[in-house]
Amino acid sequence: MTMMRIAAATLAAGLLLAGSAIAQDVTRHKTPNSNFPIAQAVEVPAGKTTVYVSGAVPTVVDDKAEKGSLAAYGNTKTQTESVLKSIDKTLQGLGLKMGDVVKMQVFLVGDPEKDGKMDFEGFMEGYTQFFGTAEQPNLPSRSVMQVAGLVAPGWLVEIEVTAVRP
């Protein structure tokens, strides 16, 4: 292994270890008498850096569907999974993990198949694959709101997060 590869591997390991330490330093307050998978509040100790990740939107899941259509992006669950995978990739590129997320804001457009109401259940089916699992138990504080629309007509989901690093 060349010296450059050793240095890169050491840096990557350090970033992963730093990410693990973050989750332990942050205090996540559970919602009393509830097992709902969000934190009631999250405390970030002094000396930590917050990372604000811009809103992520769904990727095309059916490239044969009409461009910009709901069919091109899928339902709320599919779009939530797509968006959270994108956020995970962004965080990894910054040396962070989903467990480092302390705050999440979710924007859902009313689903035409649900009489224009947001599909909160579909969102939760996607969300709980990434948060509150045995592999990733750290829960962010979170807000979910229905909005009139997003930039592309087929988008039902946009999510922005704040993460913490030392």
N, C-alpha and C. Protein backbone atom coordinates (compact mmCIF):
# COMPACT_ATOMS: atom_id res chain seq x y z
N MET A 1 0.85 -1.18 0.00
CA MET A 1 0.00 0.00 0.00
C MET A 1 0.89 1.24 0.00
N THR A 2 0.63 2.17 -0.86
CA THR A 2 1.43 3.38 -0.93
C THR A 2 1.17 4.27 0.27
N MET A 3 2.08 5.20 0.51
CA MET A 3 1.92 6.14 1.64
C MET A 3 0.65 6.97 1.48
N MET A 4 0.32 7.33 0.23
CA MET A 4 -0.89 8.13 -0.01
C MET A 4 -2.14 7.35 0.37
N ARG A 5 -2.18 6.06 0.02
CA ARG A 5 -3.34 5.24 0.38
C ARG A 5 -3.45 5.06 1.88
N ILE A 6 -2.32 4.89 2.55
CA ILE A 6 -2.32 4.74 4.01
C ILE A 6 -2.85 6.02 4.65
N ALA A 7 -2.39 7.17 4.16
CA ALA A 7 -2.86 8.45 4.70
C ALA A 7 -4.36 8.61 4.47
N ALA A 8 -4.83 8.26 3.27
CA ALA A 8 -6.27 8.37 2.97
C ALA A 8 -7.08 7.44 3.86
N ALA A 9 -6.61 6.21 4.06
CA ALA A 9 -7.32 5.25 4.92
C ALA A 9 -7.35 5.74 6.36
N THR A 10 -6.24 6.33 6.82
CA THR A 10 -6.19 6.86 8.19
C THR A 10 -7.16 8.02 8.35
N LEU A 11 -7.21 8.92 7.36
CA LEU A 11 -8.15 10.04 7.41
C LEU A 11 -9.59 9.54 7.42
N ALA A 12 -9.91 8.59 6.57
CA ALA A 12 -11.27 8.05 6.51
C ALA A 12 -11.65 7.41 7.84
N ALA A 13 -10.74 6.64 8.42
CA ALA A 13 -11.02 6.01 9.72
C ALA A 13 -11.24 7.06 10.79
N GLY A 14 -10.43 8.13 10.75
CA GLY A 14 -10.60 9.21 11.72
C GLY A 14 -11.94 9.89 11.59
N LEU A 15 -12.38 10.11 10.34
CA LEU A 15 -13.69 10.73 10.13
C LEU A 15 -14.81 9.84 10.65
N LEU A 16 -14.68 8.53 10.42
CA LEU A 16 -15.72 7.61 10.92
C LEU A 16 -15.74 7.59 12.44
N LEU A 17 -14.57 7.58 13.06
CA LEU A 17 -14.52 7.59 14.52
C LEU A 17 -15.07 8.91 15.06
N ALA A 18 -14.74 10.00 14.41
CA ALA A 18 -15.27 11.30 14.84
C ALA A 18 -16.78 11.30 14.74
N GLY A 19 -17.32 10.73 13.68
CA GLY A 19 -18.76 10.65 13.50
C GLY A 19 -19.40 9.84 14.60
N SER A 20 -18.74 8.77 15.04
CA SER A 20 -19.28 7.94 16.12
C SER A 20 -19.31 8.71 17.43
N ALA A 21 -18.27 9.50 17.67
CA ALA A 21 -18.20 10.26 18.92
C ALA A 21 -19.29 11.31 18.99
N ILE A 22 -19.64 11.86 17.85
CA ILE A 22 -20.65 12.92 17.82
C ILE A 22 -21.96 12.44 18.42
N ALA A 23 -22.40 11.28 17.99
CA ALA A 23 -23.69 10.78 18.44
C ALA A 23 -23.72 10.65 19.96
N GLN A 24 -22.58 10.36 20.57
CA GLN A 24 -22.52 10.20 22.02
C GLN A 24 -22.53 11.54 22.74
N ASP A 25 -22.00 12.58 22.11
CA ASP A 25 -21.93 13.90 22.73
C ASP A 25 -23.26 14.64 22.70
N VAL A 26 -24.08 14.33 21.72
CA VAL A 26 -25.36 15.00 21.54
C VAL A 26 -26.39 14.36 22.46
N THR A 27 -27.21 15.19 23.13
CA THR A 27 -28.27 14.66 23.98
C THR A 27 -29.59 14.72 23.23
N ARG A 28 -30.23 13.57 23.10
CA ARG A 28 -31.51 13.48 22.40
C ARG A 28 -32.58 13.15 23.44
N HIS A 29 -33.52 14.07 23.61
CA HIS A 29 -34.57 13.90 24.60
C HIS A 29 -35.76 13.17 23.96
N LYS A 30 -36.12 12.04 24.53
CA LYS A 30 -37.26 11.28 24.02
C LYS A 30 -38.56 12.00 24.34
N THR A 31 -39.55 11.77 23.51
CA THR A 31 -40.87 12.30 23.78
C THR A 31 -41.50 11.46 24.89
N PRO A 32 -41.91 12.08 25.99
CA PRO A 32 -42.46 11.30 27.11
C PRO A 32 -43.67 10.46 26.69
N ASN A 33 -43.72 9.25 27.20
CA ASN A 33 -44.84 8.32 26.98
C ASN A 33 -45.13 8.08 25.50
N SER A 34 -44.07 8.07 24.68
CA SER A 34 -44.26 7.87 23.25
C SER A 34 -43.10 7.06 22.67
N ASN A 35 -43.41 6.24 21.69
CA ASN A 35 -42.35 5.55 20.97
C ASN A 35 -42.27 6.06 19.53
N PHE A 36 -42.89 7.22 19.28
CA PHE A 36 -42.85 7.82 17.95
C PHE A 36 -41.40 8.15 17.62
N PRO A 37 -40.92 7.84 16.41
CA PRO A 37 -39.49 7.93 16.12
C PRO A 37 -38.96 9.33 15.79
N ILE A 38 -39.17 10.27 16.70
CA ILE A 38 -38.50 11.57 16.63
C ILE A 38 -38.10 11.94 18.04
N ALA A 39 -37.12 12.83 18.15
CA ALA A 39 -36.73 13.35 19.45
C ALA A 39 -37.61 14.55 19.77
N GLN A 40 -37.97 14.68 21.06
CA GLN A 40 -38.72 15.87 21.47
C GLN A 40 -37.83 17.09 21.36
N ALA A 41 -36.55 16.91 21.69
CA ALA A 41 -35.57 17.98 21.60
C ALA A 41 -34.19 17.36 21.47
N VAL A 42 -33.25 18.11 20.94
CA VAL A 42 -31.87 17.67 20.80
C VAL A 42 -30.97 18.79 21.30
N GLU A 43 -30.00 18.43 22.17
CA GLU A 43 -29.04 19.40 22.67
C GLU A 43 -27.68 19.13 22.06
N VAL A 44 -27.07 20.18 21.53
CA VAL A 44 -25.74 20.08 20.94
C VAL A 44 -24.78 20.83 21.87
N PRO A 45 -23.76 20.15 22.39
CA PRO A 45 -22.85 20.82 23.31
C PRO A 45 -21.98 21.87 22.62
N ALA A 46 -21.48 22.81 23.42
CA ALA A 46 -20.58 23.84 22.90
C ALA A 46 -19.37 23.19 22.24
N GLY A 47 -18.84 23.86 21.25
CA GLY A 47 -17.64 23.35 20.59
C GLY A 47 -17.93 22.44 19.40
N LYS A 48 -19.17 22.19 19.12
CA LYS A 48 -19.53 21.34 17.98
C LYS A 48 -19.88 22.22 16.79
N THR A 49 -19.66 21.68 15.62
CA THR A 49 -19.97 22.40 14.39
C THR A 49 -21.27 21.87 13.82
N THR A 50 -22.17 22.75 13.45
CA THR A 50 -23.40 22.33 12.80
C THR A 50 -23.22 22.44 11.30
N VAL A 51 -23.78 21.46 10.60
CA VAL A 51 -23.70 21.40 9.14
C VAL A 51 -25.13 21.43 8.62
N TYR A 52 -25.44 22.46 7.84
CA TYR A 52 -26.78 22.63 7.30
C TYR A 52 -26.80 22.09 5.88
N VAL A 53 -27.59 21.07 5.66
CA VAL A 53 -27.67 20.42 4.35
C VAL A 53 -28.91 20.94 3.63
N SER A 54 -28.70 21.48 2.45
CA SER A 54 -29.81 22.02 1.66
C SER A 54 -30.85 20.96 1.38
N GLY A 55 -32.05 21.42 1.06
CA GLY A 55 -33.14 20.51 0.75
C GLY A 55 -32.78 19.56 -0.37
N ALA A 56 -33.05 18.29 -0.14
CA ALA A 56 -32.83 17.25 -1.16
C ALA A 56 -34.19 16.84 -1.71
N VAL A 57 -34.20 16.54 -2.98
CA VAL A 57 -35.44 16.18 -3.68
C VAL A 57 -35.28 14.80 -4.32
N PRO A 58 -36.38 14.19 -4.73
CA PRO A 58 -36.32 12.83 -5.26
C PRO A 58 -35.59 12.73 -6.61
N THR A 59 -35.09 11.54 -6.84
CA THR A 59 -34.50 11.22 -8.15
C THR A 59 -35.54 10.46 -8.96
N VAL A 60 -35.33 10.43 -10.24
CA VAL A 60 -36.24 9.71 -11.14
C VAL A 60 -36.10 8.21 -10.88
N VAL A 61 -37.23 7.54 -10.71
CA VAL A 61 -37.23 6.09 -10.51
C VAL A 61 -37.76 5.35 -11.74
N ASP A 62 -38.44 6.07 -12.62
CA ASP A 62 -38.94 5.47 -13.85
C ASP A 62 -38.63 6.42 -15.00
N ASP A 63 -37.49 6.15 -15.69
CA ASP A 63 -37.08 7.07 -16.76
C ASP A 63 -37.91 6.93 -18.02
N LYS A 64 -38.83 5.97 -18.04
CA LYS A 64 -39.74 5.83 -19.18
C LYS A 64 -41.01 6.66 -19.00
N ALA A 65 -41.24 7.10 -17.78
CA ALA A 65 -42.42 7.92 -17.49
C ALA A 65 -42.21 9.33 -18.02
N GLU A 66 -43.31 10.06 -18.17
CA GLU A 66 -43.24 11.44 -18.65
C GLU A 66 -42.36 12.27 -17.72
N LYS A 67 -41.45 13.03 -18.30
CA LYS A 67 -40.52 13.85 -17.53
C LYS A 67 -41.29 14.80 -16.60
N GLY A 68 -40.87 14.84 -15.32
CA GLY A 68 -41.50 15.74 -14.36
C GLY A 68 -42.81 15.25 -13.79
N SER A 69 -43.22 14.05 -14.18
CA SER A 69 -44.51 13.53 -13.71
C SER A 69 -44.36 12.80 -12.38
N LEU A 70 -45.48 12.63 -11.72
CA LEU A 70 -45.49 11.85 -10.48
C LEU A 70 -45.00 10.42 -10.75
N ALA A 71 -45.38 9.85 -11.87
CA ALA A 71 -44.95 8.49 -12.22
C ALA A 71 -43.43 8.40 -12.33
N ALA A 72 -42.79 9.47 -12.78
CA ALA A 72 -41.33 9.46 -12.92
C ALA A 72 -40.62 9.37 -11.57
N TYR A 73 -41.23 9.92 -10.52
CA TYR A 73 -40.59 9.98 -9.20
C TYR A 73 -41.15 8.99 -8.19
N GLY A 74 -42.33 8.45 -8.42
CA GLY A 74 -42.92 7.49 -7.50
C GLY A 74 -43.79 8.15 -6.44
N ASN A 75 -44.34 7.32 -5.58
CA ASN A 75 -45.23 7.80 -4.52
C ASN A 75 -44.42 8.40 -3.36
N THR A 76 -45.08 8.82 -2.32
CA THR A 76 -44.41 9.48 -1.20
C THR A 76 -43.38 8.58 -0.55
N LYS A 77 -43.71 7.32 -0.33
CA LYS A 77 -42.74 6.41 0.29
C LYS A 77 -41.50 6.28 -0.58
N THR A 78 -41.68 6.05 -1.87
CA THR A 78 -40.56 5.91 -2.79
C THR A 78 -39.72 7.18 -2.83
N GLN A 79 -40.39 8.32 -2.88
CA GLN A 79 -39.67 9.59 -2.92
C GLN A 79 -38.92 9.85 -1.61
N THR A 80 -39.52 9.49 -0.49
CA THR A 80 -38.85 9.66 0.81
C THR A 80 -37.58 8.83 0.85
N GLU A 81 -37.67 7.58 0.41
CA GLU A 81 -36.48 6.71 0.38
C GLU A 81 -35.40 7.31 -0.51
N SER A 82 -35.79 7.80 -1.67
CA SER A 82 -34.85 8.41 -2.61
C SER A 82 -34.17 9.63 -2.00
N VAL A 83 -34.95 10.48 -1.38
CA VAL A 83 -34.42 11.71 -0.78
C VAL A 83 -33.48 11.37 0.37
N LEU A 84 -33.87 10.43 1.23
CA LEU A 84 -33.01 10.09 2.37
C LEU A 84 -31.73 9.39 1.92
N LYS A 85 -31.77 8.63 0.85
CA LYS A 85 -30.54 8.04 0.28
C LYS A 85 -29.62 9.14 -0.23
N SER A 86 -30.20 10.15 -0.85
CA SER A 86 -29.42 11.28 -1.34
C SER A 86 -28.78 12.04 -0.18
N ILE A 87 -29.53 12.27 0.88
CA ILE A 87 -29.01 12.95 2.06
C ILE A 87 -27.89 12.12 2.68
N ASP A 88 -28.09 10.82 2.77
CA ASP A 88 -27.07 9.93 3.32
C ASP A 88 -25.78 10.05 2.52
N LYS A 89 -25.88 10.05 1.21
CA LYS A 89 -24.71 10.18 0.33
C LYS A 89 -24.01 11.53 0.55
N THR A 90 -24.80 12.59 0.65
CA THR A 90 -24.23 13.92 0.90
C THR A 90 -23.49 13.94 2.23
N LEU A 91 -24.14 13.40 3.26
CA LEU A 91 -23.51 13.37 4.59
C LEU A 91 -22.21 12.57 4.56
N GLN A 92 -22.23 11.41 3.91
CA GLN A 92 -21.02 10.59 3.83
C GLN A 92 -19.89 11.36 3.15
N GLY A 93 -20.22 12.13 2.11
CA GLY A 93 -19.23 12.95 1.43
C GLY A 93 -18.63 14.02 2.33
N LEU A 94 -19.34 14.36 3.39
CA LEU A 94 -18.88 15.36 4.36
C LEU A 94 -18.27 14.70 5.60
N GLY A 95 -18.14 13.37 5.57
CA GLY A 95 -17.59 12.65 6.72
C GLY A 95 -18.59 12.49 7.85
N LEU A 96 -19.88 12.53 7.53
CA LEU A 96 -20.95 12.40 8.53
C LEU A 96 -21.83 11.21 8.20
N LYS A 97 -22.74 10.90 9.13
CA LYS A 97 -23.69 9.80 8.94
C LYS A 97 -25.10 10.26 9.29
N MET A 98 -26.07 9.44 8.96
CA MET A 98 -27.46 9.77 9.31
C MET A 98 -27.62 9.93 10.82
N GLY A 99 -26.86 9.20 11.60
CA GLY A 99 -26.93 9.31 13.06
C GLY A 99 -26.46 10.65 13.58
N ASP A 100 -25.81 11.45 12.73
CA ASP A 100 -25.34 12.78 13.12
C ASP A 100 -26.39 13.85 12.88
N VAL A 101 -27.50 13.48 12.26
CA VAL A 101 -28.58 14.44 11.99
C VAL A 101 -29.29 14.77 13.30
N VAL A 102 -29.42 16.06 13.59
CA VAL A 102 -30.09 16.49 14.82
C VAL A 102 -31.41 17.20 14.56
N LYS A 103 -31.61 17.69 13.34
CA LYS A 103 -32.84 18.43 13.00
C LYS A 103 -33.21 18.12 11.56
N MET A 104 -34.50 17.92 11.33
CA MET A 104 -35.00 17.63 10.00
C MET A 104 -36.26 18.43 9.76
N GLN A 105 -36.34 19.02 8.57
CA GLN A 105 -37.58 19.67 8.13
C GLN A 105 -38.02 18.97 6.86
N VAL A 106 -39.28 18.57 6.86
CA VAL A 106 -39.84 17.79 5.76
C VAL A 106 -40.99 18.57 5.14
N PHE A 107 -40.94 18.68 3.82
CA PHE A 107 -41.99 19.36 3.06
C PHE A 107 -42.67 18.32 2.18
N LEU A 108 -43.95 18.11 2.40
CA LEU A 108 -44.72 17.14 1.63
C LEU A 108 -45.80 17.85 0.84
N VAL A 109 -45.92 17.48 -0.42
CA VAL A 109 -46.99 18.01 -1.27
C VAL A 109 -48.16 17.04 -1.16
N GLY A 110 -49.36 17.57 -1.21
CA GLY A 110 -50.54 16.71 -1.19
C GLY A 110 -50.52 15.74 -2.37
N ASP A 111 -50.80 14.49 -2.09
CA ASP A 111 -50.79 13.45 -3.11
C ASP A 111 -52.14 13.45 -3.82
N PRO A 112 -52.13 13.57 -5.16
CA PRO A 112 -53.40 13.55 -5.90
C PRO A 112 -54.22 12.28 -5.64
N GLU A 113 -53.53 11.18 -5.36
CA GLU A 113 -54.24 9.92 -5.09
C GLU A 113 -54.82 9.86 -3.68
N LYS A 114 -54.54 10.86 -2.86
CA LYS A 114 -55.06 10.94 -1.49
C LYS A 114 -55.89 12.21 -1.33
N ASP A 115 -56.61 12.57 -2.38
CA ASP A 115 -57.47 13.76 -2.38
C ASP A 115 -56.71 15.02 -2.00
N GLY A 116 -55.45 15.11 -2.43
CA GLY A 116 -54.67 16.32 -2.18
C GLY A 116 -54.11 16.44 -0.77
N LYS A 117 -54.23 15.39 0.02
CA LYS A 117 -53.68 15.41 1.38
C LYS A 117 -52.30 14.75 1.36
N MET A 118 -51.40 15.24 2.22
CA MET A 118 -50.08 14.65 2.27
C MET A 118 -50.17 13.20 2.75
N ASP A 119 -49.28 12.38 2.24
CA ASP A 119 -49.24 10.96 2.60
C ASP A 119 -48.23 10.77 3.73
N PHE A 120 -48.66 11.13 4.95
CA PHE A 120 -47.77 11.03 6.11
C PHE A 120 -47.39 9.58 6.37
N GLU A 121 -48.31 8.66 6.20
CA GLU A 121 -48.01 7.24 6.42
C GLU A 121 -46.93 6.77 5.45
N GLY A 122 -47.04 7.14 4.19
CA GLY A 122 -46.02 6.78 3.20
C GLY A 122 -44.67 7.39 3.55
N PHE A 123 -44.69 8.64 4.01
CA PHE A 123 -43.45 9.28 4.45
C PHE A 123 -42.83 8.49 5.60
N MET A 124 -43.63 8.13 6.59
CA MET A 124 -43.11 7.40 7.76
C MET A 124 -42.56 6.02 7.37
N GLU A 125 -43.17 5.37 6.38
CA GLU A 125 -42.66 4.07 5.93
C GLU A 125 -41.24 4.22 5.37
N GLY A 126 -40.99 5.31 4.68
CA GLY A 126 -39.64 5.56 4.18
C GLY A 126 -38.69 6.03 5.28
N TYR A 127 -39.15 6.94 6.12
CA TYR A 127 -38.34 7.53 7.19
C TYR A 127 -37.83 6.47 8.16
N THR A 128 -38.70 5.54 8.57
CA THR A 128 -38.32 4.56 9.59
C THR A 128 -37.34 3.51 9.08
N GLN A 129 -36.99 3.55 7.82
CA GLN A 129 -35.91 2.70 7.31
C GLN A 129 -34.55 3.31 7.64
N PHE A 130 -34.52 4.61 7.97
CA PHE A 130 -33.27 5.33 8.20
C PHE A 130 -33.10 5.81 9.64
N PHE A 131 -34.19 5.99 10.37
CA PHE A 131 -34.13 6.53 11.72
C PHE A 131 -34.94 5.65 12.68
N GLY A 132 -34.36 5.44 13.87
CA GLY A 132 -35.03 4.63 14.88
C GLY A 132 -34.88 3.14 14.65
N THR A 133 -33.89 2.75 13.87
CA THR A 133 -33.63 1.33 13.62
C THR A 133 -32.58 0.84 14.62
N ALA A 134 -32.41 -0.47 14.69
CA ALA A 134 -31.37 -1.03 15.55
C ALA A 134 -29.99 -0.57 15.09
N GLU A 135 -29.81 -0.46 13.78
CA GLU A 135 -28.52 -0.03 13.22
C GLU A 135 -28.30 1.47 13.40
N GLN A 136 -29.36 2.25 13.41
CA GLN A 136 -29.25 3.71 13.50
C GLN A 136 -30.37 4.23 14.39
N PRO A 137 -30.17 4.16 15.72
CA PRO A 137 -31.23 4.54 16.66
C PRO A 137 -31.35 6.04 16.94
N ASN A 138 -30.40 6.85 16.50
CA ASN A 138 -30.42 8.28 16.81
C ASN A 138 -31.57 8.97 16.09
N LEU A 139 -32.37 9.68 16.85
CA LEU A 139 -33.54 10.36 16.30
C LEU A 139 -33.32 11.86 16.26
N PRO A 140 -33.68 12.50 15.16
CA PRO A 140 -33.60 13.97 15.09
C PRO A 140 -34.86 14.60 15.64
N SER A 141 -34.78 15.89 15.98
CA SER A 141 -36.02 16.64 16.15
C SER A 141 -36.52 16.86 14.72
N ARG A 142 -37.83 16.98 14.55
CA ARG A 142 -38.33 16.99 13.17
C ARG A 142 -39.65 17.72 13.07
N SER A 143 -39.83 18.39 11.94
CA SER A 143 -41.11 18.99 11.59
C SER A 143 -41.51 18.47 10.22
N VAL A 144 -42.78 18.19 10.05
CA VAL A 144 -43.32 17.76 8.76
C VAL A 144 -44.48 18.68 8.44
N MET A 145 -44.46 19.24 7.23
CA MET A 145 -45.54 20.16 6.86
C MET A 145 -45.97 19.91 5.43
N GLN A 146 -47.24 20.15 5.17
CA GLN A 146 -47.74 20.07 3.81
C GLN A 146 -47.56 21.44 3.17
N VAL A 147 -47.04 21.42 1.94
CA VAL A 147 -46.84 22.65 1.18
C VAL A 147 -47.66 22.58 -0.11
N ALA A 148 -47.90 23.72 -0.70
CA ALA A 148 -48.71 23.77 -1.92
C ALA A 148 -48.02 23.11 -3.10
N GLY A 149 -46.71 23.18 -3.15
CA GLY A 149 -46.00 22.58 -4.26
C GLY A 149 -44.51 22.74 -4.12
N LEU A 150 -43.78 21.98 -4.92
CA LEU A 150 -42.32 22.07 -4.99
C LEU A 150 -41.97 22.44 -6.43
N VAL A 151 -40.70 22.59 -6.73
CA VAL A 151 -40.27 23.08 -8.04
C VAL A 151 -40.77 22.22 -9.20
N ALA A 152 -40.61 20.90 -9.10
CA ALA A 152 -41.08 20.02 -10.17
C ALA A 152 -42.46 19.50 -9.82
N PRO A 153 -43.36 19.45 -10.79
CA PRO A 153 -44.73 19.02 -10.51
C PRO A 153 -44.82 17.59 -9.94
N GLY A 154 -43.88 16.72 -10.25
CA GLY A 154 -43.94 15.34 -9.76
C GLY A 154 -43.32 15.13 -8.40
N TRP A 155 -42.71 16.15 -7.83
CA TRP A 155 -42.10 16.00 -6.52
C TRP A 155 -43.15 16.10 -5.43
N LEU A 156 -43.13 15.13 -4.53
CA LEU A 156 -44.01 15.15 -3.36
C LEU A 156 -43.23 15.39 -2.07
N VAL A 157 -41.89 15.26 -2.13
CA VAL A 157 -41.06 15.29 -0.92
C VAL A 157 -39.81 16.14 -1.13
N GLU A 158 -39.52 16.99 -0.15
CA GLU A 158 -38.23 17.66 -0.04
C GLU A 158 -37.86 17.65 1.43
N ILE A 159 -36.60 17.34 1.72
CA ILE A 159 -36.14 17.25 3.11
C ILE A 159 -34.83 18.00 3.25
N GLU A 160 -34.72 18.80 4.30
CA GLU A 160 -33.45 19.42 4.64
C GLU A 160 -33.09 18.99 6.06
N VAL A 161 -31.79 18.87 6.32
CA VAL A 161 -31.34 18.41 7.63
C VAL A 161 -30.22 19.29 8.15
N THR A 162 -30.04 19.23 9.47
CA THR A 162 -28.90 19.81 10.14
C THR A 162 -28.21 18.67 10.86
N ALA A 163 -26.90 18.57 10.67
CA ALA A 163 -26.11 17.54 11.34
C ALA A 163 -25.06 18.21 12.21
N VAL A 164 -24.41 17.42 13.07
CA VAL A 164 -23.41 17.95 13.99
C VAL A 164 -22.11 17.17 13.85
N ARG A 165 -21.00 17.89 13.89
CA ARG A 165 -19.67 17.28 13.95
C ARG A 165 -18.86 18.00 15.03
N PRO A 166 -17.79 17.37 15.51
CA PRO A 166 -16.98 18.06 16.52
C PRO A 166 -16.33 19.32 15.97
